[in-house]
Amino acid sequence: MRAFATALAWGAALAALSSPAAPAGFDYQHQVGLVVVERIGSPYLIIPNADVAPGTAVSIVDLSHPVKVVSGTVGKALPSPCPAAQNSMKTGTCYTVSVPPDARLHWGPHIAVLAPSDKFTLQPTGAEADLEGSGPSITFRVCAKKEGLQFTVWRGSPLTGKRVWHLYYDLGFKVDTTCLPEDTR
């Protein structure tokens, strides 16, 4: 009986190896984070992914007005947490980020996506991305809530599509709430 079970296990393993692999989907939990731009110093990436290789493309979605997407490149992982990690992602890894000198990112946090900027387009309603290769566009939103900012990524239109990623960034002071109930569902 043991020989039969072993043969069955080997057969299943070989079948799995010879089957065509399912297409890898976009992993929002490990490929989306925040780039924080401080008033002094370089921007840095906070993301729950300790395996981002230096040189990886990162697109920074600046939802200030006017909305823009800036191309960047991930640098080295930092040995200690980013200062802003305490405000958002305590388990994230911090990386340096290079952006073009003329990028003119607003200071503060921005959604960061580990994908090249050619996946993004600017529409009258904001930035959209084709991260999954088919289906509805991916859209981005930020709103104010209590003492911070709620960043969200949606499959389809914000608030009516499916929310696929979110992160609350604590500013440490009260703000006027602009979030709607749909932002936090």
C-alpha atoms as a PDB file:
ATOM      1  CA  MET A   1       0.000   0.000   0.000  1.00  0.00           C
ATOM      2  CA  ARG A   2       2.882   2.359   0.828  1.00  0.00           C
ATOM      3  CA  ALA A   3       4.415   1.741  -2.628  1.00  0.00           C
ATOM      4  CA  PHE A   4       1.089   2.594  -4.272  1.00  0.00           C
ATOM      5  CA  ALA A   5       0.807   5.854  -2.289  1.00  0.00           C
ATOM      6  CA  THR A   6       4.393   6.775  -3.198  1.00  0.00           C
ATOM      7  CA  ALA A   7       3.757   6.039  -6.881  1.00  0.00           C
ATOM      8  CA  LEU A   8       0.566   8.100  -6.768  1.00  0.00           C
ATOM      9  CA  ALA A   9       2.399  11.044  -5.178  1.00  0.00           C
ATOM     10  CA  TRP A  10       5.185  10.888  -7.802  1.00  0.00           C
ATOM     11  CA  GLY A  11       2.600  10.729 -10.583  1.00  0.00           C
ATOM     12  CA  ALA A  12       0.827  13.817  -9.255  1.00  0.00           C
ATOM     13  CA  ALA A  13       4.132  15.693  -8.943  1.00  0.00           C
ATOM     14  CA  LEU A  14       5.148  14.824 -12.519  1.00  0.00           C
ATOM     15  CA  ALA A  15       1.723  15.824 -13.843  1.00  0.00           C
ATOM     16  CA  ALA A  16       2.027  19.187 -12.093  1.00  0.00           C
ATOM     17  CA  LEU A  17       5.465  19.753 -13.609  1.00  0.00           C
ATOM     18  CA  SER A  18       4.312  18.940 -17.124  1.00  0.00           C
ATOM     19  CA  SER A  19       1.099  20.995 -16.945  1.00  0.00           C
ATOM     20  CA  PRO A  20       1.265  24.504 -18.343  1.00  0.00           C
ATOM     21  CA  ALA A  21       1.611  27.022 -15.543  1.00  0.00           C
ATOM     22  CA  ALA A  22      -1.313  29.259 -14.795  1.00  0.00           C
ATOM     23  CA  PRO A  23      -0.568  32.873 -15.693  1.00  0.00           C
ATOM     24  CA  ALA A  24       0.773  34.749 -12.723  1.00  0.00           C
ATOM     25  CA  GLY A  25      -1.585  37.489 -11.562  1.00  0.00           C
ATOM     26  CA  PHE A  26      -0.590  40.850 -10.233  1.00  0.00           C
ATOM     27  CA  ASP A  27       0.081  40.541  -6.492  1.00  0.00           C
ATOM     28  CA  TYR A  28      -1.340  43.721  -4.988  1.00  0.00           C
ATOM     29  CA  GLN A  29      -0.282  42.806  -1.462  1.00  0.00           C
ATOM     30  CA  HIS A  30       3.417  42.570  -2.429  1.00  0.00           C
ATOM     31  CA  GLN A  31       3.651  44.871  -5.467  1.00  0.00           C
ATOM     32  CA  VAL A  32       1.886  47.963  -4.119  1.00  0.00           C
ATOM     33  CA  GLY A  33       3.111  50.190  -1.320  1.00  0.00           C
ATOM     34  CA  LEU A  34       3.906  53.821  -0.651  1.00  0.00           C
ATOM     35  CA  VAL A  35       6.651  56.141  -1.786  1.00  0.00           C
ATOM     36  CA  VAL A  36       7.176  58.868   0.767  1.00  0.00           C
ATOM     37  CA  VAL A  37       8.792  62.129  -0.297  1.00  0.00           C
ATOM     38  CA  GLU A  38      10.198  64.138   2.567  1.00  0.00           C
ATOM     39  CA  ARG A  39      10.956  67.817   2.390  1.00  0.00           C
ATOM     40  CA  ILE A  40      14.647  67.011   2.686  1.00  0.00           C
ATOM     41  CA  GLY A  41      16.280  63.930   1.212  1.00  0.00           C
ATOM     42  CA  SER A  42      15.428  61.302  -1.328  1.00  0.00           C
ATOM     43  CA  PRO A  43      12.093  59.530  -1.606  1.00  0.00           C
ATOM     44  CA  TYR A  44      11.830  56.023  -0.258  1.00  0.00           C
ATOM     45  CA  LEU A  45       9.576  53.048  -0.866  1.00  0.00           C
ATOM     46  CA  ILE A  46       7.772  51.197   1.917  1.00  0.00           C
ATOM     47  CA  ILE A  47       6.341  47.873   0.752  1.00  0.00           C
ATOM     48  CA  PRO A  48       5.549  44.509   2.388  1.00  0.00           C
ATOM     49  CA  ASN A  49       8.068  42.741   0.173  1.00  0.00           C
ATOM     50  CA  ALA A  50      11.645  42.021   1.263  1.00  0.00           C
ATOM     51  CA  ASP A  51      12.613  40.623  -2.160  1.00  0.00           C
ATOM     52  CA  VAL A  52      12.485  43.674  -4.446  1.00  0.00           C
ATOM     53  CA  ALA A  53      15.630  43.675  -6.579  1.00  0.00           C
ATOM     54  CA  PRO A  54      17.585  46.900  -7.078  1.00  0.00           C
ATOM     55  CA  GLY A  55      16.761  48.308 -10.505  1.00  0.00           C
ATOM     56  CA  THR A  56      13.100  47.247 -10.380  1.00  0.00           C
ATOM     57  CA  ALA A  57      10.763  49.763 -12.022  1.00  0.00           C
ATOM     58  CA  VAL A  58       8.389  51.561  -9.680  1.00  0.00           C
ATOM     59  CA  SER A  59       5.595  53.852 -10.815  1.00  0.00           C
ATOM     60  CA  ILE A  60       4.638  56.555  -8.354  1.00  0.00           C
ATOM     61  CA  VAL A  61       1.023  57.710  -8.540  1.00  0.00           C
ATOM     62  CA  ASP A  62       0.909  61.286  -7.258  1.00  0.00           C
ATOM     63  CA  LEU A  63      -2.776  61.976  -6.609  1.00  0.00           C
ATOM     64  CA  SER A  64      -2.192  65.694  -5.945  1.00  0.00           C
ATOM     65  CA  HIS A  65      -3.633  68.072  -8.519  1.00  0.00           C
ATOM     66  CA  PRO A  66      -2.791  67.606 -11.286  1.00  0.00           C
ATOM     67  CA  VAL A  67      -2.529  63.819 -10.996  1.00  0.00           C
ATOM     68  CA  LYS A  68       0.651  62.374 -12.469  1.00  0.00           C
ATOM     69  CA  VAL A  69       2.585  59.130 -12.675  1.00  0.00           C
ATOM     70  CA  VAL A  70       6.341  59.332 -12.200  1.00  0.00           C
ATOM     71  CA  SER A  71       8.794  56.618 -13.228  1.00  0.00           C
ATOM     72  CA  GLY A  72      11.282  55.569 -10.620  1.00  0.00           C
ATOM     73  CA  THR A  73      13.809  52.845  -9.912  1.00  0.00           C
ATOM     74  CA  VAL A  74      14.100  50.891  -6.690  1.00  0.00           C
ATOM     75  CA  GLY A  75      17.506  51.114  -5.036  1.00  0.00           C
ATOM     76  CA  LYS A  76      18.875  49.261  -2.044  1.00  0.00           C
ATOM     77  CA  ALA A  77      16.941  47.984   0.948  1.00  0.00           C
ATOM     78  CA  LEU A  78      17.628  49.954   4.106  1.00  0.00           C
ATOM     79  CA  PRO A  79      18.701  48.054   7.222  1.00  0.00           C
ATOM     80  CA  SER A  80      16.276  49.866   9.505  1.00  0.00           C
ATOM     81  CA  PRO A  81      12.632  50.876   9.037  1.00  0.00           C
ATOM     82  CA  CYS A  82      11.789  54.041   7.149  1.00  0.00           C
ATOM     83  CA  PRO A  83      10.794  56.901   9.446  1.00  0.00           C
ATOM     84  CA  ALA A  84       7.331  56.960   7.837  1.00  0.00           C
ATOM     85  CA  ALA A  85       6.850  53.200   8.300  1.00  0.00           C
ATOM     86  CA  GLN A  86       5.661  53.923  11.802  1.00  0.00           C
ATOM     87  CA  ASN A  87       2.786  55.848  10.194  1.00  0.00           C
ATOM     88  CA  SER A  88       1.624  53.102   7.868  1.00  0.00           C
ATOM     89  CA  MET A  89       3.323  49.767   7.419  1.00  0.00           C
ATOM     90  CA  LYS A  90       5.260  48.481  10.411  1.00  0.00           C
ATOM     91  CA  THR A  91       6.160  45.185   8.693  1.00  0.00           C
ATOM     92  CA  GLY A  92       7.199  46.704   5.381  1.00  0.00           C
ATOM     93  CA  THR A  93      10.695  46.865   3.952  1.00  0.00           C
ATOM     94  CA  CYS A  94      12.170  50.254   3.168  1.00  0.00           C
ATOM     95  CA  TYR A  95      14.060  50.914  -0.099  1.00  0.00           C
ATOM     96  CA  THR A  96      15.730  53.927  -1.609  1.00  0.00           C
ATOM     97  CA  VAL A  97      14.124  55.199  -4.827  1.00  0.00           C
ATOM     98  CA  SER A  98      15.607  57.188  -7.694  1.00  0.00           C
ATOM     99  CA  VAL A  99      13.383  59.510  -9.707  1.00  0.00           C
ATOM    100  CA  PRO A 100      14.273  61.889 -12.549  1.00  0.00           C
ATOM    101  CA  PRO A 101      15.449  65.330 -11.328  1.00  0.00           C
ATOM    102  CA  ASP A 102      12.478  67.001 -13.030  1.00  0.00           C
ATOM    103  CA  ALA A 103       9.896  64.657 -11.415  1.00  0.00           C
ATOM    104  CA  ARG A 104       8.639  67.348  -9.030  1.00  0.00           C
ATOM    105  CA  LEU A 105       6.762  64.988  -6.752  1.00  0.00           C
ATOM    106  CA  HIS A 106       4.793  66.689  -4.004  1.00  0.00           C
ATOM    107  CA  TRP A 107       6.127  65.923  -0.538  1.00  0.00           C
ATOM    108  CA  GLY A 108       4.223  63.300   1.420  1.00  0.00           C
ATOM    109  CA  PRO A 109       3.037  59.764   0.664  1.00  0.00           C
ATOM    110  CA  HIS A 110       2.068  58.467  -2.778  1.00  0.00           C
ATOM    111  CA  ILE A 111       0.886  55.091  -4.054  1.00  0.00           C
ATOM    112  CA  ALA A 112       3.797  53.084  -5.458  1.00  0.00           C
ATOM    113  CA  VAL A 113       3.354  50.193  -7.896  1.00  0.00           C
ATOM    114  CA  LEU A 114       6.116  47.780  -8.896  1.00  0.00           C
ATOM    115  CA  ALA A 115       5.373  48.081 -12.612  1.00  0.00           C
ATOM    116  CA  PRO A 116       6.778  50.186 -15.452  1.00  0.00           C
ATOM    117  CA  SER A 117       5.056  53.502 -16.135  1.00  0.00           C
ATOM    118  CA  ASP A 118       4.030  52.420 -19.657  1.00  0.00           C
ATOM    119  CA  LYS A 119       1.278  50.396 -17.925  1.00  0.00           C
ATOM    120  CA  PHE A 120      -0.320  53.686 -16.804  1.00  0.00           C
ATOM    121  CA  THR A 121      -2.413  56.309 -18.571  1.00  0.00           C
ATOM    122  CA  LEU A 122      -3.786  59.621 -17.395  1.00  0.00           C
ATOM    123  CA  GLN A 123      -7.503  60.113 -17.920  1.00  0.00           C
ATOM    124  CA  PRO A 124      -9.688  63.122 -17.079  1.00  0.00           C
ATOM    125  CA  THR A 125     -10.802  61.191 -13.984  1.00  0.00           C
ATOM    126  CA  GLY A 126      -7.238  60.356 -12.819  1.00  0.00           C
ATOM    127  CA  ALA A 127      -4.573  57.706 -13.334  1.00  0.00           C
ATOM    128  CA  GLU A 128      -5.429  54.238 -14.640  1.00  0.00           C
ATOM    129  CA  ALA A 129      -3.260  51.165 -15.106  1.00  0.00           C
ATOM    130  CA  ASP A 130      -3.380  47.859 -16.948  1.00  0.00           C
ATOM    131  CA  LEU A 131      -1.735  45.653 -14.321  1.00  0.00           C
ATOM    132  CA  GLU A 132      -3.663  42.439 -14.947  1.00  0.00           C
ATOM    133  CA  GLY A 133      -3.494  42.361 -18.735  1.00  0.00           C
ATOM    134  CA  SER A 134      -7.264  42.185 -19.217  1.00  0.00           C
ATOM    135  CA  GLY A 135     -10.490  43.330 -17.706  1.00  0.00           C
ATOM    136  CA  PRO A 136     -11.296  46.692 -16.184  1.00  0.00           C
ATOM    137  CA  SER A 137      -8.626  49.281 -15.603  1.00  0.00           C
ATOM    138  CA  ILE A 138      -7.026  49.668 -12.216  1.00  0.00           C
ATOM    139  CA  THR A 139      -7.736  53.061 -10.628  1.00  0.00           C
ATOM    140  CA  PHE A 140      -6.368  54.931  -7.634  1.00  0.00           C
ATOM    141  CA  ARG A 141      -7.894  57.098  -4.909  1.00  0.00           C
ATOM    142  CA  VAL A 142      -6.909  58.916  -1.736  1.00  0.00           C
ATOM    143  CA  CYS A 143      -9.179  60.490   0.860  1.00  0.00           C
ATOM    144  CA  ALA A 144      -8.763  61.988   4.318  1.00  0.00           C
ATOM    145  CA  LYS A 145     -10.032  60.187   7.398  1.00  0.00           C
ATOM    146  CA  LYS A 146      -9.720  61.102  11.097  1.00  0.00           C
ATOM    147  CA  GLU A 147      -5.975  61.742  11.438  1.00  0.00           C
ATOM    148  CA  GLY A 148      -4.642  60.411   8.162  1.00  0.00           C
ATOM    149  CA  LEU A 149      -5.001  59.439   4.530  1.00  0.00           C
ATOM    150  CA  GLN A 150      -6.735  56.342   3.166  1.00  0.00           C
ATOM    151  CA  PHE A 151      -5.068  55.154  -0.061  1.00  0.00           C
ATOM    152  CA  THR A 152      -7.031  52.705  -2.212  1.00  0.00           C
ATOM    153  CA  VAL A 153      -6.559  50.817  -5.486  1.00  0.00           C
ATOM    154  CA  TRP A 154      -9.631  49.630  -7.375  1.00  0.00           C
ATOM    155  CA  ARG A 155     -10.407  47.199 -10.196  1.00  0.00           C
ATOM    156  CA  GLY A 156     -12.793  49.400 -12.150  1.00  0.00           C
ATOM    157  CA  SER A 157     -14.040  52.782 -10.975  1.00  0.00           C
ATOM    158  CA  PRO A 158     -13.203  54.002  -7.486  1.00  0.00           C
ATOM    159  CA  LEU A 159     -15.987  53.424  -4.947  1.00  0.00           C
ATOM    160  CA  THR A 160     -18.044  51.234  -7.302  1.00  0.00           C
ATOM    161  CA  GLY A 161     -15.407  48.760  -8.499  1.00  0.00           C
ATOM    162  CA  LYS A 162     -13.690  46.115  -6.400  1.00  0.00           C
ATOM    163  CA  ARG A 163     -11.155  47.458  -3.928  1.00  0.00           C
ATOM    164  CA  VAL A 164      -7.961  45.386  -4.380  1.00  0.00           C
ATOM    165  CA  TRP A 165      -5.569  47.252  -2.059  1.00  0.00           C
ATOM    166  CA  HIS A 166      -5.760  49.819   0.722  1.00  0.00           C
ATOM    167  CA  LEU A 167      -3.525  51.433   3.287  1.00  0.00           C
ATOM    168  CA  TYR A 168      -4.126  53.996   6.002  1.00  0.00           C
ATOM    169  CA  TYR A 169      -1.302  56.528   6.512  1.00  0.00           C
ATOM    170  CA  ASP A 170      -1.399  58.260   9.894  1.00  0.00           C
ATOM    171  CA  LEU A 171      -0.535  61.952   9.639  1.00  0.00           C
ATOM    172  CA  GLY A 172      -0.625  62.455  13.402  1.00  0.00           C
ATOM    173  CA  PHE A 173      -3.081  65.356  13.316  1.00  0.00           C
ATOM    174  CA  LYS A 174      -6.796  65.782  12.688  1.00  0.00           C
ATOM    175  CA  VAL A 175      -7.976  66.292   9.144  1.00  0.00           C
ATOM    176  CA  ASP A 176     -11.361  67.052   7.648  1.00  0.00           C
ATOM    177  CA  THR A 177     -12.855  63.734   6.570  1.00  0.00           C
ATOM    178  CA  THR A 178     -13.392  63.344   2.834  1.00  0.00           C
ATOM    179  CA  CYS A 179     -13.644  59.534   2.794  1.00  0.00           C
ATOM    180  CA  LEU A 180     -16.969  57.939   1.965  1.00  0.00           C
ATOM    181  CA  PRO A 181     -18.227  54.677   3.516  1.00  0.00           C
ATOM    182  CA  GLU A 182     -17.266  52.843   0.281  1.00  0.00           C
ATOM    183  CA  ASP A 183     -13.608  53.801   0.800  1.00  0.00           C
ATOM    184  CA  THR A 184     -13.324  51.628   3.882  1.00  0.00           C
ATOM    185  CA  ARG A 185     -15.483  48.618   2.973  1.00  0.00           C
END
